[in-house]
């Protein structure tokens, strides 16, 4: 794989993690029954992401002819597994808290469970943020983003004086209005 391909792979996994972080913010109120179904769906998505990241590690670990940049990419994927597993654990605990209770409990116990569930989801979000941030940092280190500066782009572009893309200077516009000049016309820059 090329460096650009590996960087895209790192960014792709980070984007999947970021999507899950966004979806976690839409978990319903823990005291409402859809919270359990929502958390189970997010846990399933997270399990898929963990499998994909582990697959990236396994694929790169078994390359017959690894290229020099393979080791940092593999380490970045390996480093993402720890916070992803932490997020998975937090969601499992949150799912257990969201499970319907057989006995009607006191309102204060339900409120405490709801607070703990929100804390678990928040911890999962923080772990996912660490995983995505590490993958993005590794991708940027592998293929650094080039700063786009308008003046550099303009210096490389072909343009003519007085064209529709470049405003004409006052000296050029008066010379054009007075008619042709004898000899070869030279544009000064």
C-alpha atoms as a PDB file:
ATOM      1  CA  UNK A   1       0.000   0.000   0.000  1.00  0.00           C
ATOM      2  CA  UNK A   2       1.114   3.531  -0.640  1.00  0.00           C
ATOM      3  CA  UNK A   3       1.395   6.227   2.002  1.00  0.00           C
ATOM      4  CA  UNK A   4      -1.614   8.010   0.541  1.00  0.00           C
ATOM      5  CA  UNK A   5      -3.699   4.815   0.641  1.00  0.00           C
ATOM      6  CA  UNK A   6      -2.723   4.182   4.247  1.00  0.00           C
ATOM      7  CA  UNK A   7      -3.493   7.780   5.179  1.00  0.00           C
ATOM      8  CA  UNK A   8      -6.916   7.474   3.551  1.00  0.00           C
ATOM      9  CA  UNK A   9      -7.506   4.249   5.459  1.00  0.00           C
ATOM     10  CA  UNK A  10      -6.621   5.973   8.741  1.00  0.00           C
ATOM     11  CA  UNK A  11      -8.921   8.896   7.899  1.00  0.00           C
ATOM     12  CA  UNK A  12     -11.714   6.506   6.898  1.00  0.00           C
ATOM     13  CA  UNK A  13     -11.594   4.669  10.222  1.00  0.00           C
ATOM     14  CA  UNK A  14     -11.456   7.969  12.091  1.00  0.00           C
ATOM     15  CA  UNK A  15     -14.511   9.174  10.170  1.00  0.00           C
ATOM     16  CA  UNK A  16     -16.421   6.025  11.144  1.00  0.00           C
ATOM     17  CA  UNK A  17     -15.547   6.633  14.781  1.00  0.00           C
ATOM     18  CA  UNK A  18     -16.616  10.285  14.496  1.00  0.00           C
ATOM     19  CA  UNK A  19     -19.976   9.210  13.014  1.00  0.00           C
ATOM     20  CA  UNK A  20     -20.515   6.936  16.009  1.00  0.00           C
ATOM     21  CA  UNK A  21     -19.621   9.778  18.381  1.00  0.00           C
ATOM     22  CA  UNK A  22     -22.236  11.946  16.701  1.00  0.00           C
ATOM     23  CA  UNK A  23     -24.841   9.183  16.957  1.00  0.00           C
ATOM     24  CA  UNK A  24     -24.077   8.625  20.645  1.00  0.00           C
ATOM     25  CA  UNK A  25     -25.145  12.191  21.313  1.00  0.00           C
ATOM     26  CA  UNK A  26     -28.646  11.272  20.151  1.00  0.00           C
ATOM     27  CA  UNK A  27     -29.197   8.533  22.746  1.00  0.00           C
ATOM     28  CA  UNK A  28     -32.654   9.130  24.232  1.00  0.00           C
ATOM     29  CA  UNK A  29     -33.242   9.940  27.865  1.00  0.00           C
ATOM     30  CA  UNK A  30     -32.149   6.927  29.934  1.00  0.00           C
ATOM     31  CA  UNK A  31     -35.504   6.840  31.706  1.00  0.00           C
ATOM     32  CA  UNK A  32     -37.271   6.257  28.385  1.00  0.00           C
ATOM     33  CA  UNK A  33     -37.382   2.688  27.012  1.00  0.00           C
ATOM     34  CA  UNK A  34     -35.814   3.390  23.549  1.00  0.00           C
ATOM     35  CA  UNK A  35     -32.501   4.144  25.280  1.00  0.00           C
ATOM     36  CA  UNK A  36     -31.709   0.438  25.564  1.00  0.00           C
ATOM     37  CA  UNK A  37     -32.380  -0.257  21.877  1.00  0.00           C
ATOM     38  CA  UNK A  38     -30.375   2.809  20.856  1.00  0.00           C
ATOM     39  CA  UNK A  39     -27.414   1.825  23.026  1.00  0.00           C
ATOM     40  CA  UNK A  40     -27.519  -1.744  21.707  1.00  0.00           C
ATOM     41  CA  UNK A  41     -27.421  -0.423  18.126  1.00  0.00           C
ATOM     42  CA  UNK A  42     -24.449   1.821  18.951  1.00  0.00           C
ATOM     43  CA  UNK A  43     -22.675  -1.040  20.680  1.00  0.00           C
ATOM     44  CA  UNK A  44     -23.167  -3.168  17.566  1.00  0.00           C
ATOM     45  CA  UNK A  45     -21.737  -0.369  15.375  1.00  0.00           C
ATOM     46  CA  UNK A  46     -18.787   0.024  17.733  1.00  0.00           C
ATOM     47  CA  UNK A  47     -18.144  -3.730  17.651  1.00  0.00           C
ATOM     48  CA  UNK A  48     -18.014  -3.534  13.854  1.00  0.00           C
ATOM     49  CA  UNK A  49     -15.522  -0.642  14.062  1.00  0.00           C
ATOM     50  CA  UNK A  50     -13.333  -2.583  16.492  1.00  0.00           C
ATOM     51  CA  UNK A  51     -13.379  -5.512  14.063  1.00  0.00           C
ATOM     52  CA  UNK A  52     -12.388  -3.254  11.162  1.00  0.00           C
ATOM     53  CA  UNK A  53      -9.511  -1.673  13.076  1.00  0.00           C
ATOM     54  CA  UNK A  54      -8.322  -5.099  14.288  1.00  0.00           C
ATOM     55  CA  UNK A  55      -8.533  -6.289  10.679  1.00  0.00           C
ATOM     56  CA  UNK A  56      -6.289  -3.412   9.607  1.00  0.00           C
ATOM     57  CA  UNK A  57      -3.731  -4.472  12.221  1.00  0.00           C
ATOM     58  CA  UNK A  58      -3.917  -8.113  11.121  1.00  0.00           C
ATOM     59  CA  UNK A  59      -3.626  -7.224   7.428  1.00  0.00           C
ATOM     60  CA  UNK A  60      -0.579  -5.067   7.939  1.00  0.00           C
ATOM     61  CA  UNK A  61       1.000  -7.574  10.328  1.00  0.00           C
ATOM     62  CA  UNK A  62       0.888 -10.301   7.698  1.00  0.00           C
ATOM     63  CA  UNK A  63       2.192  -8.316   4.735  1.00  0.00           C
ATOM     64  CA  UNK A  64       4.865 -10.312   2.981  1.00  0.00           C
ATOM     65  CA  UNK A  65       6.805  -7.225   1.846  1.00  0.00           C
ATOM     66  CA  UNK A  66       5.985  -4.377   4.191  1.00  0.00           C
ATOM     67  CA  UNK A  67       6.957  -0.881   3.121  1.00  0.00           C
ATOM     68  CA  UNK A  68       8.758   1.505   5.514  1.00  0.00           C
ATOM     69  CA  UNK A  69       5.624   3.412   6.518  1.00  0.00           C
ATOM     70  CA  UNK A  70       3.729   0.235   7.487  1.00  0.00           C
ATOM     71  CA  UNK A  71       5.011   0.191  11.078  1.00  0.00           C
ATOM     72  CA  UNK A  72       3.689   3.638  12.095  1.00  0.00           C
ATOM     73  CA  UNK A  73       0.341   2.900  10.449  1.00  0.00           C
ATOM     74  CA  UNK A  74       0.082  -0.448  12.245  1.00  0.00           C
ATOM     75  CA  UNK A  75       1.006   1.199  15.555  1.00  0.00           C
ATOM     76  CA  UNK A  76      -1.682   3.869  14.999  1.00  0.00           C
ATOM     77  CA  UNK A  77      -4.344   1.220  14.433  1.00  0.00           C
ATOM     78  CA  UNK A  78      -3.091  -0.755  17.456  1.00  0.00           C
ATOM     79  CA  UNK A  79      -3.187   2.388  19.601  1.00  0.00           C
ATOM     80  CA  UNK A  80      -6.794   3.031  18.524  1.00  0.00           C
ATOM     81  CA  UNK A  81      -7.870  -0.394  19.797  1.00  0.00           C
ATOM     82  CA  UNK A  82      -7.379   0.487  23.473  1.00  0.00           C
ATOM     83  CA  UNK A  83      -9.738   3.510  23.541  1.00  0.00           C
ATOM     84  CA  UNK A  84     -12.185   1.664  21.283  1.00  0.00           C
ATOM     85  CA  UNK A  85     -12.287  -1.222  23.756  1.00  0.00           C
ATOM     86  CA  UNK A  86     -12.713   1.256  26.616  1.00  0.00           C
ATOM     87  CA  UNK A  87     -15.653   2.818  24.774  1.00  0.00           C
ATOM     88  CA  UNK A  88     -17.093  -0.647  24.218  1.00  0.00           C
ATOM     89  CA  UNK A  89     -16.876  -1.399  27.955  1.00  0.00           C
ATOM     90  CA  UNK A  90     -18.564   1.897  28.814  1.00  0.00           C
ATOM     91  CA  UNK A  91     -21.410   1.172  26.395  1.00  0.00           C
ATOM     92  CA  UNK A  92     -21.865  -2.338  27.837  1.00  0.00           C
ATOM     93  CA  UNK A  93     -22.182  -0.825  31.325  1.00  0.00           C
ATOM     94  CA  UNK A  94     -24.552   1.845  30.022  1.00  0.00           C
ATOM     95  CA  UNK A  95     -26.662  -0.828  28.328  1.00  0.00           C
ATOM     96  CA  UNK A  96     -26.916  -2.725  31.604  1.00  0.00           C
ATOM     97  CA  UNK A  97     -28.040   0.451  33.361  1.00  0.00           C
ATOM     98  CA  UNK A  98     -30.658   1.107  30.694  1.00  0.00           C
ATOM     99  CA  UNK A  99     -32.154  -2.379  31.005  1.00  0.00           C
ATOM    100  CA  UNK A 100     -35.721  -2.298  32.304  1.00  0.00           C
ATOM    101  CA  UNK A 101     -35.979  -3.144  35.981  1.00  0.00           C
ATOM    102  CA  UNK A 102     -38.404  -5.799  37.210  1.00  0.00           C
ATOM    103  CA  UNK A 103     -39.175  -3.988  40.435  1.00  0.00           C
ATOM    104  CA  UNK A 104     -40.374  -0.442  40.432  1.00  0.00           C
ATOM    105  CA  UNK A 105     -37.644   1.453  42.250  1.00  0.00           C
ATOM    106  CA  UNK A 106     -37.602   4.731  43.997  1.00  0.00           C
ATOM    107  CA  UNK A 107     -37.323   7.767  41.765  1.00  0.00           C
ATOM    108  CA  UNK A 108     -33.967   8.690  43.290  1.00  0.00           C
ATOM    109  CA  UNK A 109     -32.473   5.294  42.344  1.00  0.00           C
ATOM    110  CA  UNK A 110     -33.701   5.681  38.762  1.00  0.00           C
ATOM    111  CA  UNK A 111     -32.288   9.203  38.621  1.00  0.00           C
ATOM    112  CA  UNK A 112     -28.922   7.969  39.919  1.00  0.00           C
ATOM    113  CA  UNK A 113     -28.891   5.213  37.283  1.00  0.00           C
ATOM    114  CA  UNK A 114     -29.752   7.758  34.587  1.00  0.00           C
ATOM    115  CA  UNK A 115     -26.897  10.013  35.730  1.00  0.00           C
ATOM    116  CA  UNK A 116     -24.476   7.077  35.740  1.00  0.00           C
ATOM    117  CA  UNK A 117     -25.652   6.039  32.272  1.00  0.00           C
ATOM    118  CA  UNK A 118     -25.025   9.547  30.927  1.00  0.00           C
ATOM    119  CA  UNK A 119     -21.569   9.443  32.518  1.00  0.00           C
ATOM    120  CA  UNK A 120     -20.826   6.094  30.846  1.00  0.00           C
ATOM    121  CA  UNK A 121     -21.906   7.415  27.444  1.00  0.00           C
ATOM    122  CA  UNK A 122     -19.774  10.524  28.017  1.00  0.00           C
ATOM    123  CA  UNK A 123     -16.754   8.358  28.871  1.00  0.00           C
ATOM    124  CA  UNK A 124     -17.360   6.293  25.724  1.00  0.00           C
ATOM    125  CA  UNK A 125     -17.493   9.515  23.705  1.00  0.00           C
ATOM    126  CA  UNK A 126     -14.174  10.677  25.181  1.00  0.00           C
ATOM    127  CA  UNK A 127     -12.549   7.316  24.384  1.00  0.00           C
ATOM    128  CA  UNK A 128     -13.852   7.461  20.816  1.00  0.00           C
ATOM    129  CA  UNK A 129     -12.495  10.993  20.487  1.00  0.00           C
ATOM    130  CA  UNK A 130      -9.041   9.769  21.567  1.00  0.00           C
ATOM    131  CA  UNK A 131      -9.168   6.917  19.048  1.00  0.00           C
ATOM    132  CA  UNK A 132     -10.257   9.155  16.157  1.00  0.00           C
ATOM    133  CA  UNK A 133      -7.746  11.844  17.081  1.00  0.00           C
ATOM    134  CA  UNK A 134      -4.891   9.337  17.165  1.00  0.00           C
ATOM    135  CA  UNK A 135      -5.821   7.937  13.761  1.00  0.00           C
ATOM    136  CA  UNK A 136      -6.114  11.415  12.217  1.00  0.00           C
ATOM    137  CA  UNK A 137      -2.780  12.488  13.720  1.00  0.00           C
ATOM    138  CA  UNK A 138      -1.096   9.381  12.307  1.00  0.00           C
ATOM    139  CA  UNK A 139      -2.619  10.057   8.880  1.00  0.00           C
ATOM    140  CA  UNK A 140      -1.455  13.684   8.951  1.00  0.00           C
ATOM    141  CA  UNK A 141       2.034  12.594   9.963  1.00  0.00           C
ATOM    142  CA  UNK A 142       2.107  10.058   7.144  1.00  0.00           C
ATOM    143  CA  UNK A 143       0.898  12.477   4.468  1.00  0.00           C
ATOM    144  CA  UNK A 144       1.039  16.039   5.803  1.00  0.00           C
ATOM    145  CA  UNK A 145      -1.629  18.396   4.564  1.00  0.00           C
ATOM    146  CA  UNK A 146      -0.240  21.010   2.215  1.00  0.00           C
ATOM    147  CA  UNK A 147      -1.166  24.583   3.126  1.00  0.00           C
ATOM    148  CA  UNK A 148      -3.058  26.250   0.335  1.00  0.00           C
ATOM    149  CA  UNK A 149      -2.047  29.821  -0.120  1.00  0.00           C
ATOM    150  CA  UNK A 150      -3.715  31.992  -2.701  1.00  0.00           C
ATOM    151  CA  UNK A 151      -0.562  33.912  -3.567  1.00  0.00           C
ATOM    152  CA  UNK A 152       1.357  30.708  -4.334  1.00  0.00           C
ATOM    153  CA  UNK A 153      -1.498  29.411  -6.470  1.00  0.00           C
ATOM    154  CA  UNK A 154      -1.768  32.710  -8.316  1.00  0.00           C
ATOM    155  CA  UNK A 155       1.996  32.812  -8.958  1.00  0.00           C
ATOM    156  CA  UNK A 156       1.790  29.434 -10.699  1.00  0.00           C
ATOM    157  CA  UNK A 157      -1.278  30.208 -12.781  1.00  0.00           C
ATOM    158  CA  UNK A 158      -0.996  31.490 -16.333  1.00  0.00           C
ATOM    159  CA  UNK A 159      -2.570  34.889 -16.772  1.00  0.00           C
ATOM    160  CA  UNK A 160      -2.285  37.780 -19.145  1.00  0.00           C
ATOM    161  CA  UNK A 161      -2.415  41.428 -18.289  1.00  0.00           C
ATOM    162  CA  UNK A 162      -5.822  42.890 -18.891  1.00  0.00           C
ATOM    163  CA  UNK A 163      -7.536  39.503 -19.140  1.00  0.00           C
ATOM    164  CA  UNK A 164     -10.935  38.860 -17.658  1.00  0.00           C
ATOM    165  CA  UNK A 165      -9.309  37.002 -14.757  1.00  0.00           C
ATOM    166  CA  UNK A 166      -6.850  39.713 -13.762  1.00  0.00           C
ATOM    167  CA  UNK A 167      -7.928  43.307 -13.292  1.00  0.00           C
ATOM    168  CA  UNK A 168      -6.079  45.620 -15.638  1.00  0.00           C
ATOM    169  CA  UNK A 169      -3.752  48.154 -14.101  1.00  0.00           C
ATOM    170  CA  UNK A 170      -4.420  51.843 -14.892  1.00  0.00           C
ATOM    171  CA  UNK A 171      -1.279  52.053 -17.087  1.00  0.00           C
ATOM    172  CA  UNK A 172      -2.385  49.085 -19.172  1.00  0.00           C
ATOM    173  CA  UNK A 173      -5.929  50.340 -19.629  1.00  0.00           C
ATOM    174  CA  UNK A 174      -4.766  53.785 -20.882  1.00  0.00           C
ATOM    175  CA  UNK A 175      -2.290  52.196 -23.293  1.00  0.00           C
ATOM    176  CA  UNK A 176      -5.017  49.977 -24.728  1.00  0.00           C
ATOM    177  CA  UNK A 177      -7.417  52.938 -25.053  1.00  0.00           C
ATOM    178  CA  UNK A 178      -4.905  55.142 -26.926  1.00  0.00           C
ATOM    179  CA  UNK A 179      -4.306  52.551 -29.621  1.00  0.00           C
ATOM    180  CA  UNK A 180      -1.465  50.288 -30.702  1.00  0.00           C
ATOM    181  CA  UNK A 181       2.116  51.197 -29.901  1.00  0.00           C
ATOM    182  CA  UNK A 182       4.864  50.783 -32.453  1.00  0.00           C
ATOM    183  CA  UNK A 183       7.168  47.820 -31.950  1.00  0.00           C
ATOM    184  CA  UNK A 184       6.684  44.730 -29.880  1.00  0.00           C
ATOM    185  CA  UNK A 185       4.466  45.240 -26.873  1.00  0.00           C
ATOM    186  CA  UNK A 186       5.974  44.153 -23.629  1.00  0.00           C
ATOM    187  CA  UNK A 187       4.112  43.699 -20.435  1.00  0.00           C
ATOM    188  CA  UNK A 188       5.946  44.628 -17.307  1.00  0.00           C
ATOM    189  CA  UNK A 189       5.369  42.654 -14.151  1.00  0.00           C
END
